[in-house]
Amino acid sequence: MSRRGGRGKVHHKGKRRHFTDAEELRAEMEKDKREKDWREKKGGQDLSDEGAAAAGKSGSESEEESDSEEEKQAKPKGVSGLIEIENPNRVVQRTKKATELDADDSSKSQLSRREREEIARQRNILRQRKLQEEGKTDQARSDLARLSLIRKQREEAARKREEQKKAKEAAEATKTGNR
């Protein structure tokens, strides 16, 4: 019984319900089973390939083959086969040839402004270091002059120490010789 008070086979929205007869269901299931057995015997091929003519569909075999090839190429999922979508964010994956890969690599070698500036900065640092090592910059010249002054001071300090050491040894020798 329905909610509306015993009117018989009326749907809750006011429409009559439509039931399939049990005999029709059995006949349909047997037909499906026969088709499945036939497909297994045939080698697992779909009805859309060679079995379309046996199932009673009309049309030439060349049309059926071209239709099945198109279906194999792009099988739409869900409603995407019914509606054509122009989504700019949708990425379509396609196979690339070797010649296309080489062209893609050259387009990827285009650097952004920041990357170009970073590379230029690193080159500049390396060039400055090289000039510094060769002594061609003002800073390198001043550093070399300072180093030469320090060397001279150290040489003079070493010479004075040697003189003091010799003088000390001579003084000790005179003390021991006087006794």
N, C-alpha and C. Protein backbone atom coordinates (compact mmCIF):
# COMPACT_ATOMS: atom_id res chain seq x y z
N MET A 1 0.83 -1.19 0.00
CA MET A 1 0.00 0.00 0.00
C MET A 1 0.87 1.24 0.00
N SER A 2 0.37 2.23 -0.64
CA SER A 2 1.12 3.48 -0.68
C SER A 2 0.66 4.39 0.42
N ARG A 3 1.29 5.51 0.53
CA ARG A 3 0.97 6.46 1.60
C ARG A 3 -0.36 7.17 1.39
N ARG A 4 -0.84 7.15 0.20
CA ARG A 4 -2.03 7.93 -0.10
C ARG A 4 -3.33 7.22 0.26
N GLY A 5 -3.28 6.17 0.91
CA GLY A 5 -4.53 5.59 1.41
C GLY A 5 -5.11 4.50 0.56
N GLY A 6 -4.31 3.60 0.07
CA GLY A 6 -4.82 2.40 -0.56
C GLY A 6 -5.34 2.55 -1.96
N ARG A 7 -4.76 3.40 -2.77
CA ARG A 7 -5.23 3.56 -4.14
C ARG A 7 -4.68 2.49 -5.06
N GLY A 8 -3.84 1.64 -4.59
CA GLY A 8 -3.31 0.60 -5.46
C GLY A 8 -1.87 0.89 -5.85
N LYS A 9 -1.57 0.81 -7.17
CA LYS A 9 -0.21 0.97 -7.65
C LYS A 9 0.07 2.40 -8.09
N VAL A 10 -0.06 3.32 -7.17
CA VAL A 10 0.21 4.73 -7.47
C VAL A 10 1.46 5.14 -6.71
N HIS A 11 2.37 5.79 -7.41
CA HIS A 11 3.64 6.25 -6.84
C HIS A 11 3.37 7.41 -5.89
N HIS A 12 4.29 7.69 -4.98
CA HIS A 12 4.08 8.73 -3.99
C HIS A 12 4.01 10.13 -4.61
N LYS A 13 4.45 10.25 -5.90
CA LYS A 13 4.36 11.55 -6.57
C LYS A 13 3.09 11.65 -7.40
N GLY A 14 2.25 10.65 -7.31
CA GLY A 14 0.97 10.72 -7.99
C GLY A 14 0.96 10.00 -9.33
N LYS A 15 2.08 9.42 -9.73
CA LYS A 15 2.12 8.73 -11.02
C LYS A 15 2.00 7.23 -10.77
N ARG A 16 1.54 6.54 -11.80
CA ARG A 16 1.41 5.09 -11.67
C ARG A 16 2.78 4.44 -11.78
N ARG A 17 2.98 3.39 -10.99
CA ARG A 17 4.23 2.64 -11.03
C ARG A 17 4.20 1.69 -12.21
N HIS A 18 5.40 1.49 -12.78
CA HIS A 18 5.51 0.62 -13.94
C HIS A 18 6.40 -0.55 -13.57
N PHE A 19 5.83 -1.76 -13.50
CA PHE A 19 6.58 -2.94 -13.12
C PHE A 19 6.82 -3.82 -14.35
N THR A 20 8.01 -4.46 -14.35
CA THR A 20 8.32 -5.40 -15.42
C THR A 20 7.81 -6.78 -15.00
N ASP A 21 7.23 -7.46 -15.93
CA ASP A 21 6.67 -8.78 -15.66
C ASP A 21 7.80 -9.77 -15.41
N ALA A 22 7.59 -10.77 -14.54
CA ALA A 22 8.61 -11.74 -14.19
C ALA A 22 9.04 -12.56 -15.40
N GLU A 23 8.11 -12.86 -16.28
CA GLU A 23 8.45 -13.63 -17.48
C GLU A 23 9.37 -12.83 -18.40
N GLU A 24 9.10 -11.52 -18.51
CA GLU A 24 9.97 -10.67 -19.33
C GLU A 24 11.38 -10.63 -18.74
N LEU A 25 11.48 -10.55 -17.41
CA LEU A 25 12.79 -10.53 -16.75
C LEU A 25 13.56 -11.81 -17.03
N ARG A 26 12.88 -12.95 -16.93
CA ARG A 26 13.54 -14.24 -17.19
C ARG A 26 14.02 -14.32 -18.64
N ALA A 27 13.17 -13.90 -19.56
CA ALA A 27 13.53 -13.94 -20.98
C ALA A 27 14.74 -13.04 -21.25
N GLU A 28 14.76 -11.87 -20.63
CA GLU A 28 15.87 -10.94 -20.81
C GLU A 28 17.17 -11.52 -20.25
N MET A 29 17.07 -12.16 -19.06
CA MET A 29 18.25 -12.76 -18.45
C MET A 29 18.79 -13.90 -19.30
N GLU A 30 17.90 -14.72 -19.86
CA GLU A 30 18.33 -15.82 -20.73
C GLU A 30 19.01 -15.29 -21.99
N LYS A 31 18.46 -14.22 -22.54
CA LYS A 31 19.04 -13.60 -23.73
C LYS A 31 20.44 -13.09 -23.42
N ASP A 32 20.61 -12.42 -22.28
CA ASP A 32 21.92 -11.92 -21.87
C ASP A 32 22.91 -13.07 -21.69
N LYS A 33 22.44 -14.17 -21.10
CA LYS A 33 23.29 -15.33 -20.87
C LYS A 33 23.73 -15.93 -22.20
N ARG A 34 22.81 -16.03 -23.15
CA ARG A 34 23.16 -16.56 -24.47
C ARG A 34 24.19 -15.67 -25.17
N GLU A 35 23.99 -14.38 -25.08
CA GLU A 35 24.95 -13.45 -25.71
C GLU A 35 26.33 -13.57 -25.05
N LYS A 36 26.35 -13.72 -23.74
CA LYS A 36 27.61 -13.86 -23.02
C LYS A 36 28.33 -15.14 -23.44
N ASP A 37 27.59 -16.24 -23.51
CA ASP A 37 28.17 -17.51 -23.95
C ASP A 37 28.71 -17.39 -25.37
N TRP A 38 27.94 -16.75 -26.23
CA TRP A 38 28.35 -16.57 -27.62
C TRP A 38 29.65 -15.75 -27.70
N ARG A 39 29.75 -14.69 -26.90
CA ARG A 39 30.95 -13.84 -26.87
C ARG A 39 32.16 -14.64 -26.40
N GLU A 40 31.96 -15.48 -25.38
CA GLU A 40 33.06 -16.30 -24.88
C GLU A 40 33.53 -17.29 -25.94
N LYS A 41 32.59 -17.88 -26.68
CA LYS A 41 32.95 -18.81 -27.74
C LYS A 41 33.65 -18.08 -28.88
N LYS A 42 33.22 -16.88 -29.15
CA LYS A 42 33.76 -16.10 -30.26
C LYS A 42 35.14 -15.54 -29.92
N GLY A 43 35.48 -15.50 -28.67
CA GLY A 43 36.81 -15.02 -28.29
C GLY A 43 36.75 -13.73 -27.49
N GLY A 44 35.66 -13.45 -26.88
CA GLY A 44 35.55 -12.28 -26.01
C GLY A 44 35.38 -10.97 -26.77
N GLN A 45 34.90 -11.01 -28.00
CA GLN A 45 34.73 -9.78 -28.77
C GLN A 45 33.39 -9.14 -28.45
N ASP A 46 33.37 -7.80 -28.53
CA ASP A 46 32.13 -7.07 -28.26
C ASP A 46 31.16 -7.24 -29.40
N LEU A 47 29.92 -6.93 -29.13
CA LEU A 47 28.90 -6.94 -30.17
C LEU A 47 29.13 -5.85 -31.18
N SER A 48 29.79 -4.78 -30.77
CA SER A 48 30.00 -3.66 -31.68
C SER A 48 31.00 -4.00 -32.78
N ASP A 49 31.82 -5.05 -32.60
CA ASP A 49 32.81 -5.42 -33.62
C ASP A 49 32.14 -6.27 -34.69
N GLU A 50 32.35 -7.59 -34.67
CA GLU A 50 31.84 -8.48 -35.71
C GLU A 50 30.44 -8.99 -35.41
N GLY A 51 30.05 -9.02 -34.15
CA GLY A 51 28.78 -9.61 -33.77
C GLY A 51 27.59 -8.68 -33.95
N ALA A 52 27.81 -7.48 -34.43
CA ALA A 52 26.70 -6.54 -34.57
C ALA A 52 25.71 -7.03 -35.62
N ALA A 53 26.21 -7.61 -36.69
CA ALA A 53 25.32 -8.11 -37.73
C ALA A 53 24.54 -9.31 -37.22
N ALA A 54 25.17 -10.16 -36.41
CA ALA A 54 24.49 -11.34 -35.88
C ALA A 54 23.42 -10.94 -34.88
N ALA A 55 23.59 -9.85 -34.20
CA ALA A 55 22.61 -9.40 -33.21
C ALA A 55 21.43 -8.71 -33.87
N GLY A 56 21.52 -8.46 -35.18
CA GLY A 56 20.38 -7.90 -35.87
C GLY A 56 20.49 -6.40 -36.09
N LYS A 57 21.66 -5.83 -35.93
CA LYS A 57 21.79 -4.40 -36.17
C LYS A 57 22.01 -4.18 -37.65
N SER A 58 21.56 -3.03 -38.15
CA SER A 58 21.72 -2.74 -39.57
C SER A 58 22.95 -1.88 -39.79
N GLY A 59 23.48 -1.91 -41.02
CA GLY A 59 24.64 -1.11 -41.36
C GLY A 59 25.70 -1.97 -41.98
N SER A 60 26.60 -1.33 -42.75
CA SER A 60 27.66 -2.10 -43.40
C SER A 60 28.79 -2.37 -42.43
N GLU A 61 29.62 -3.36 -42.75
CA GLU A 61 30.70 -3.76 -41.85
C GLU A 61 31.77 -2.69 -41.78
N SER A 62 32.01 -1.96 -42.86
CA SER A 62 33.06 -0.92 -42.85
C SER A 62 32.68 0.21 -41.89
N GLU A 63 31.40 0.55 -41.86
CA GLU A 63 30.96 1.59 -40.92
C GLU A 63 31.13 1.12 -39.48
N GLU A 64 30.81 -0.15 -39.24
CA GLU A 64 30.92 -0.69 -37.88
C GLU A 64 32.36 -0.72 -37.43
N GLU A 65 33.29 -1.09 -38.33
CA GLU A 65 34.70 -1.13 -37.97
C GLU A 65 35.22 0.26 -37.67
N SER A 66 34.83 1.26 -38.45
CA SER A 66 35.31 2.62 -38.20
C SER A 66 34.72 3.17 -36.90
N ASP A 67 33.46 2.81 -36.62
CA ASP A 67 32.85 3.25 -35.36
C ASP A 67 33.56 2.64 -34.17
N SER A 68 33.88 1.35 -34.26
CA SER A 68 34.53 0.68 -33.13
C SER A 68 35.93 1.22 -32.92
N GLU A 69 36.64 1.59 -34.01
CA GLU A 69 37.99 2.17 -33.87
C GLU A 69 37.92 3.53 -33.17
N GLU A 70 36.91 4.32 -33.52
CA GLU A 70 36.76 5.63 -32.87
C GLU A 70 36.44 5.47 -31.39
N GLU A 71 35.61 4.46 -31.07
CA GLU A 71 35.27 4.24 -29.67
C GLU A 71 36.47 3.77 -28.87
N LYS A 72 37.34 2.97 -29.50
CA LYS A 72 38.53 2.49 -28.80
C LYS A 72 39.51 3.62 -28.56
N GLN A 73 39.56 4.60 -29.46
CA GLN A 73 40.52 5.70 -29.31
C GLN A 73 40.18 6.58 -28.12
N ALA A 74 38.95 6.98 -28.00
CA ALA A 74 38.58 7.88 -26.91
C ALA A 74 37.28 7.39 -26.30
N LYS A 75 37.38 6.71 -25.17
CA LYS A 75 36.18 6.26 -24.48
C LYS A 75 35.80 7.33 -23.47
N PRO A 76 34.69 8.00 -23.67
CA PRO A 76 34.28 9.02 -22.70
C PRO A 76 33.77 8.38 -21.43
N LYS A 77 34.04 9.02 -20.33
CA LYS A 77 33.56 8.54 -19.04
C LYS A 77 32.43 9.44 -18.58
N GLY A 78 31.39 8.83 -18.05
CA GLY A 78 30.26 9.59 -17.52
C GLY A 78 29.54 10.34 -18.63
N VAL A 79 29.19 11.59 -18.33
CA VAL A 79 28.45 12.40 -19.29
C VAL A 79 29.38 13.18 -20.21
N SER A 80 30.69 12.99 -20.08
CA SER A 80 31.62 13.75 -20.91
C SER A 80 31.46 13.40 -22.39
N GLY A 81 30.94 12.20 -22.69
CA GLY A 81 30.69 11.85 -24.07
C GLY A 81 29.48 12.54 -24.64
N LEU A 82 28.59 12.98 -23.79
CA LEU A 82 27.37 13.64 -24.25
C LEU A 82 27.55 15.14 -24.39
N ILE A 83 28.41 15.71 -23.58
CA ILE A 83 28.58 17.16 -23.55
C ILE A 83 30.00 17.49 -23.97
N GLU A 84 30.14 18.42 -24.94
CA GLU A 84 31.49 18.87 -25.29
C GLU A 84 31.86 20.01 -24.35
N ILE A 85 33.04 19.89 -23.77
CA ILE A 85 33.46 20.85 -22.76
C ILE A 85 34.64 21.64 -23.29
N GLU A 86 34.62 22.95 -23.12
CA GLU A 86 35.75 23.81 -23.46
C GLU A 86 36.29 24.37 -22.15
N ASN A 87 37.07 23.58 -21.46
CA ASN A 87 37.65 23.99 -20.18
C ASN A 87 39.10 24.39 -20.43
N PRO A 88 39.44 25.66 -20.24
CA PRO A 88 40.83 26.08 -20.49
C PRO A 88 41.81 25.48 -19.50
N ASN A 89 41.35 25.03 -18.34
CA ASN A 89 42.24 24.45 -17.34
C ASN A 89 42.47 22.96 -17.56
N ARG A 90 41.69 22.35 -18.43
CA ARG A 90 41.80 20.91 -18.66
C ARG A 90 43.02 20.63 -19.52
N VAL A 91 43.89 19.74 -19.03
CA VAL A 91 45.09 19.39 -19.75
C VAL A 91 44.85 18.07 -20.47
N VAL A 92 44.98 18.09 -21.77
CA VAL A 92 44.79 16.88 -22.55
C VAL A 92 46.16 16.27 -22.79
N GLN A 93 46.34 15.03 -22.36
CA GLN A 93 47.61 14.36 -22.56
C GLN A 93 47.63 13.74 -23.94
N ARG A 94 48.68 14.04 -24.68
CA ARG A 94 48.82 13.45 -25.99
C ARG A 94 50.24 12.94 -26.14
N THR A 95 50.39 11.99 -27.00
CA THR A 95 51.72 11.43 -27.19
C THR A 95 52.56 12.39 -28.02
N LYS A 96 53.84 12.46 -27.68
CA LYS A 96 54.74 13.39 -28.37
C LYS A 96 55.75 12.60 -29.18
N LYS A 97 56.15 13.18 -30.28
CA LYS A 97 57.18 12.58 -31.10
C LYS A 97 58.53 13.08 -30.62
N ALA A 98 59.59 12.41 -31.05
CA ALA A 98 60.94 12.79 -30.62
C ALA A 98 61.29 14.20 -31.11
N THR A 99 60.82 14.57 -32.28
CA THR A 99 61.11 15.92 -32.80
C THR A 99 60.42 16.98 -31.95
N GLU A 100 59.25 16.67 -31.45
CA GLU A 100 58.53 17.63 -30.60
C GLU A 100 59.23 17.79 -29.26
N LEU A 101 59.83 16.71 -28.73
CA LEU A 101 60.53 16.79 -27.46
C LEU A 101 61.70 17.75 -27.54
N ASP A 102 62.45 17.73 -28.65
CA ASP A 102 63.58 18.64 -28.81
C ASP A 102 63.09 20.09 -28.85
N ALA A 103 61.97 20.33 -29.50
CA ALA A 103 61.42 21.68 -29.56
C ALA A 103 60.96 22.14 -28.18
N ASP A 104 60.41 21.23 -27.38
CA ASP A 104 59.96 21.59 -26.04
C ASP A 104 61.14 21.95 -25.15
N ASP A 105 62.27 21.26 -25.30
CA ASP A 105 63.44 21.55 -24.47
C ASP A 105 63.95 22.96 -24.72
N SER A 106 63.94 23.39 -25.98
CA SER A 106 64.44 24.73 -26.28
C SER A 106 63.49 25.79 -25.72
N SER A 107 62.18 25.51 -25.70
CA SER A 107 61.25 26.49 -25.14
C SER A 107 61.36 26.54 -23.62
N LYS A 108 61.74 25.41 -22.99
CA LYS A 108 61.90 25.39 -21.54
C LYS A 108 63.18 26.08 -21.10
N SER A 109 64.14 26.25 -22.05
CA SER A 109 65.39 26.89 -21.68
C SER A 109 65.23 28.40 -21.54
N GLN A 110 64.07 28.92 -21.84
CA GLN A 110 63.80 30.34 -21.63
C GLN A 110 63.74 30.58 -20.13
N LEU A 111 64.64 31.41 -19.62
CA LEU A 111 64.73 31.64 -18.19
C LEU A 111 63.90 32.85 -17.78
N SER A 112 63.48 32.84 -16.54
CA SER A 112 62.75 33.99 -16.03
C SER A 112 63.74 35.10 -15.71
N ARG A 113 63.25 36.28 -15.44
CA ARG A 113 64.10 37.43 -15.16
C ARG A 113 64.94 37.16 -13.92
N ARG A 114 64.35 36.62 -12.90
CA ARG A 114 65.10 36.34 -11.66
C ARG A 114 66.22 35.34 -11.90
N GLU A 115 65.92 34.30 -12.68
CA GLU A 115 66.95 33.30 -12.95
C GLU A 115 68.10 33.92 -13.75
N ARG A 116 67.77 34.75 -14.76
CA ARG A 116 68.82 35.41 -15.54
C ARG A 116 69.67 36.32 -14.66
N GLU A 117 69.02 37.07 -13.76
CA GLU A 117 69.77 37.96 -12.87
C GLU A 117 70.68 37.17 -11.93
N GLU A 118 70.21 36.03 -11.43
CA GLU A 118 71.02 35.20 -10.53
C GLU A 118 72.25 34.66 -11.25
N ILE A 119 72.07 34.21 -12.48
CA ILE A 119 73.20 33.70 -13.26
C ILE A 119 74.20 34.81 -13.54
N ALA A 120 73.70 35.99 -13.89
CA ALA A 120 74.60 37.12 -14.15
C ALA A 120 75.36 37.51 -12.88
N ARG A 121 74.70 37.47 -11.74
CA ARG A 121 75.35 37.82 -10.47
C ARG A 121 76.46 36.82 -10.14
N GLN A 122 76.18 35.53 -10.36
CA GLN A 122 77.21 34.52 -10.10
C GLN A 122 78.40 34.67 -11.03
N ARG A 123 78.14 34.98 -12.30
CA ARG A 123 79.24 35.21 -13.24
C ARG A 123 80.08 36.41 -12.82
N ASN A 124 79.42 37.45 -12.35
CA ASN A 124 80.12 38.66 -11.92
C ASN A 124 81.02 38.36 -10.71
N ILE A 125 80.51 37.56 -9.78
CA ILE A 125 81.29 37.20 -8.59
C ILE A 125 82.54 36.41 -9.00
N LEU A 126 82.38 35.46 -9.92
CA LEU A 126 83.52 34.67 -10.39
C LEU A 126 84.56 35.55 -11.10
N ARG A 127 84.08 36.48 -11.91
CA ARG A 127 84.99 37.39 -12.61
C ARG A 127 85.77 38.26 -11.63
N GLN A 128 85.07 38.76 -10.60
CA GLN A 128 85.74 39.59 -9.58
C GLN A 128 86.81 38.79 -8.84
N ARG A 129 86.50 37.53 -8.50
CA ARG A 129 87.48 36.69 -7.80
C ARG A 129 88.72 36.48 -8.66
N LYS A 130 88.51 36.24 -9.96
CA LYS A 130 89.62 36.01 -10.86
C LYS A 130 90.51 37.26 -10.94
N LEU A 131 89.87 38.41 -11.09
CA LEU A 131 90.65 39.67 -11.14
C LEU A 131 91.37 39.91 -9.82
N GLN A 132 90.72 39.57 -8.72
CA GLN A 132 91.32 39.74 -7.39
C GLN A 132 92.58 38.88 -7.27
N GLU A 133 92.49 37.63 -7.73
CA GLU A 133 93.64 36.72 -7.65
C GLU A 133 94.78 37.20 -8.54
N GLU A 134 94.45 37.80 -9.67
CA GLU A 134 95.48 38.30 -10.57
C GLU A 134 96.07 39.62 -10.10
N GLY A 135 95.42 40.28 -9.15
CA GLY A 135 95.90 41.55 -8.62
C GLY A 135 95.59 42.74 -9.50
N LYS A 136 94.51 42.70 -10.24
CA LYS A 136 94.16 43.77 -11.17
C LYS A 136 93.15 44.76 -10.61
N THR A 137 92.60 44.50 -9.44
CA THR A 137 91.63 45.43 -8.86
C THR A 137 92.33 46.33 -7.84
N ASP A 138 91.70 47.46 -7.52
CA ASP A 138 92.26 48.40 -6.53
C ASP A 138 92.41 47.73 -5.18
N GLN A 139 91.42 46.98 -4.80
CA GLN A 139 91.47 46.29 -3.50
C GLN A 139 92.63 45.29 -3.46
N ALA A 140 92.83 44.58 -4.56
CA ALA A 140 93.92 43.61 -4.62
C ALA A 140 95.27 44.32 -4.53
N ARG A 141 95.40 45.47 -5.20
CA ARG A 141 96.66 46.23 -5.14
C ARG A 141 96.94 46.70 -3.72
N SER A 142 95.90 47.22 -3.07
CA SER A 142 96.12 47.71 -1.69
C SER A 142 96.46 46.54 -0.75
N ASP A 143 95.80 45.39 -0.97
CA ASP A 143 96.11 44.21 -0.16
C ASP A 143 97.56 43.76 -0.36
N LEU A 144 98.03 43.77 -1.60
CA LEU A 144 99.40 43.36 -1.89
C LEU A 144 100.41 44.34 -1.27
N ALA A 145 100.09 45.64 -1.32
CA ALA A 145 100.98 46.64 -0.72
C ALA A 145 101.06 46.43 0.79
N ARG A 146 99.91 46.18 1.42
CA ARG A 146 99.87 45.93 2.86
C ARG A 146 100.66 44.67 3.21
N LEU A 147 100.53 43.63 2.39
CA LEU A 147 101.28 42.40 2.63
C LEU A 147 102.80 42.62 2.53
N SER A 148 103.23 43.41 1.56
CA SER A 148 104.67 43.68 1.43
C SER A 148 105.19 44.45 2.63
N LEU A 149 104.39 45.40 3.16
CA LEU A 149 104.80 46.13 4.37
C LEU A 149 104.92 45.19 5.56
N ILE A 150 103.97 44.31 5.71
CA ILE A 150 103.99 43.35 6.82
C ILE A 150 105.20 42.44 6.70
N ARG A 151 105.52 42.00 5.47
CA ARG A 151 106.68 41.13 5.27
C ARG A 151 107.97 41.86 5.68
N LYS A 152 108.07 43.14 5.28
CA LYS A 152 109.26 43.92 5.63
C LYS A 152 109.38 44.07 7.15
N GLN A 153 108.25 44.34 7.81
CA GLN A 153 108.27 44.49 9.26
C GLN A 153 108.69 43.18 9.93
N ARG A 154 108.18 42.09 9.44
CA ARG A 154 108.52 40.78 10.02
C ARG A 154 110.00 40.45 9.78
N GLU A 155 110.50 40.78 8.60
CA GLU A 155 111.92 40.55 8.32
C GLU A 155 112.81 41.37 9.26
N GLU A 156 112.43 42.64 9.48
CA GLU A 156 113.20 43.51 10.38
C GLU A 156 113.14 42.98 11.82
N ALA A 157 111.95 42.52 12.24
CA ALA A 157 111.79 41.97 13.59
C ALA A 157 112.64 40.71 13.73
N ALA A 158 112.69 39.87 12.71
CA ALA A 158 113.48 38.64 12.76
C ALA A 158 114.98 38.99 12.81
N ARG A 159 115.39 40.01 12.02
CA ARG A 159 116.78 40.43 12.03
C ARG A 159 117.18 40.98 13.40
N LYS A 160 116.31 41.76 14.03
CA LYS A 160 116.60 42.33 15.37
C LYS A 160 116.72 41.20 16.39
N ARG A 161 115.85 40.21 16.30
CA ARG A 161 115.93 39.09 17.23
C ARG A 161 117.25 38.33 17.07
N GLU A 162 117.66 38.15 15.83
CA GLU A 162 118.93 37.47 15.58
C GLU A 162 120.10 38.28 16.19
N GLU A 163 120.05 39.60 16.00
CA GLU A 163 121.11 40.46 16.55
C GLU A 163 121.11 40.39 18.07
N GLN A 164 119.92 40.43 18.68
CA GLN A 164 119.82 40.34 20.14
C GLN A 164 120.33 38.99 20.63
N LYS A 165 120.03 37.92 19.90
CA LYS A 165 120.46 36.59 20.28
C LYS A 165 121.99 36.50 20.21
N LYS A 166 122.55 37.04 19.12
CA LYS A 166 124.01 37.03 18.99
C LYS A 166 124.68 37.87 20.09
N ALA A 167 124.06 39.02 20.39
CA ALA A 167 124.62 39.89 21.43
C ALA A 167 124.55 39.19 22.77
N LYS A 168 123.48 38.49 23.04
CA LYS A 168 123.31 37.76 24.30
C LYS A 168 124.35 36.64 24.40
N GLU A 169 124.54 35.90 23.30
CA GLU A 169 125.52 34.82 23.30
C GLU A 169 126.95 35.39 23.50
N ALA A 170 127.22 36.50 22.87
CA ALA A 170 128.54 37.13 23.02
C ALA A 170 128.76 37.58 24.46
N ALA A 171 127.69 38.12 25.08
CA ALA A 171 127.80 38.57 26.46
C ALA A 171 128.04 37.38 27.37
N GLU A 172 127.37 36.29 27.12
CA GLU A 172 127.56 35.10 27.93
C GLU A 172 128.97 34.53 27.73
N ALA A 173 129.45 34.60 26.51
CA ALA A 173 130.79 34.08 26.22
C ALA A 173 131.85 34.92 26.93
N THR A 174 131.67 36.19 26.99
CA THR A 174 132.63 37.07 27.68
C THR A 174 132.57 36.83 29.17
N LYS A 175 131.37 36.59 29.72
CA LYS A 175 131.24 36.31 31.16
C LYS A 175 131.93 35.01 31.50
N THR A 176 131.75 33.98 30.72
CA THR A 176 132.35 32.69 31.01
C THR A 176 133.87 32.75 30.73
N GLY A 177 134.31 33.58 29.80
CA GLY A 177 135.72 33.67 29.49
C GLY A 177 136.48 34.48 30.54
N ASN A 178 135.85 35.38 31.26
CA ASN A 178 136.48 36.19 32.29
C ASN A 178 136.66 35.36 33.56
N ARG A 179 135.99 34.49 33.82
CA ARG A 179 136.09 33.71 35.05
C ARG A 179 137.15 32.75 34.96
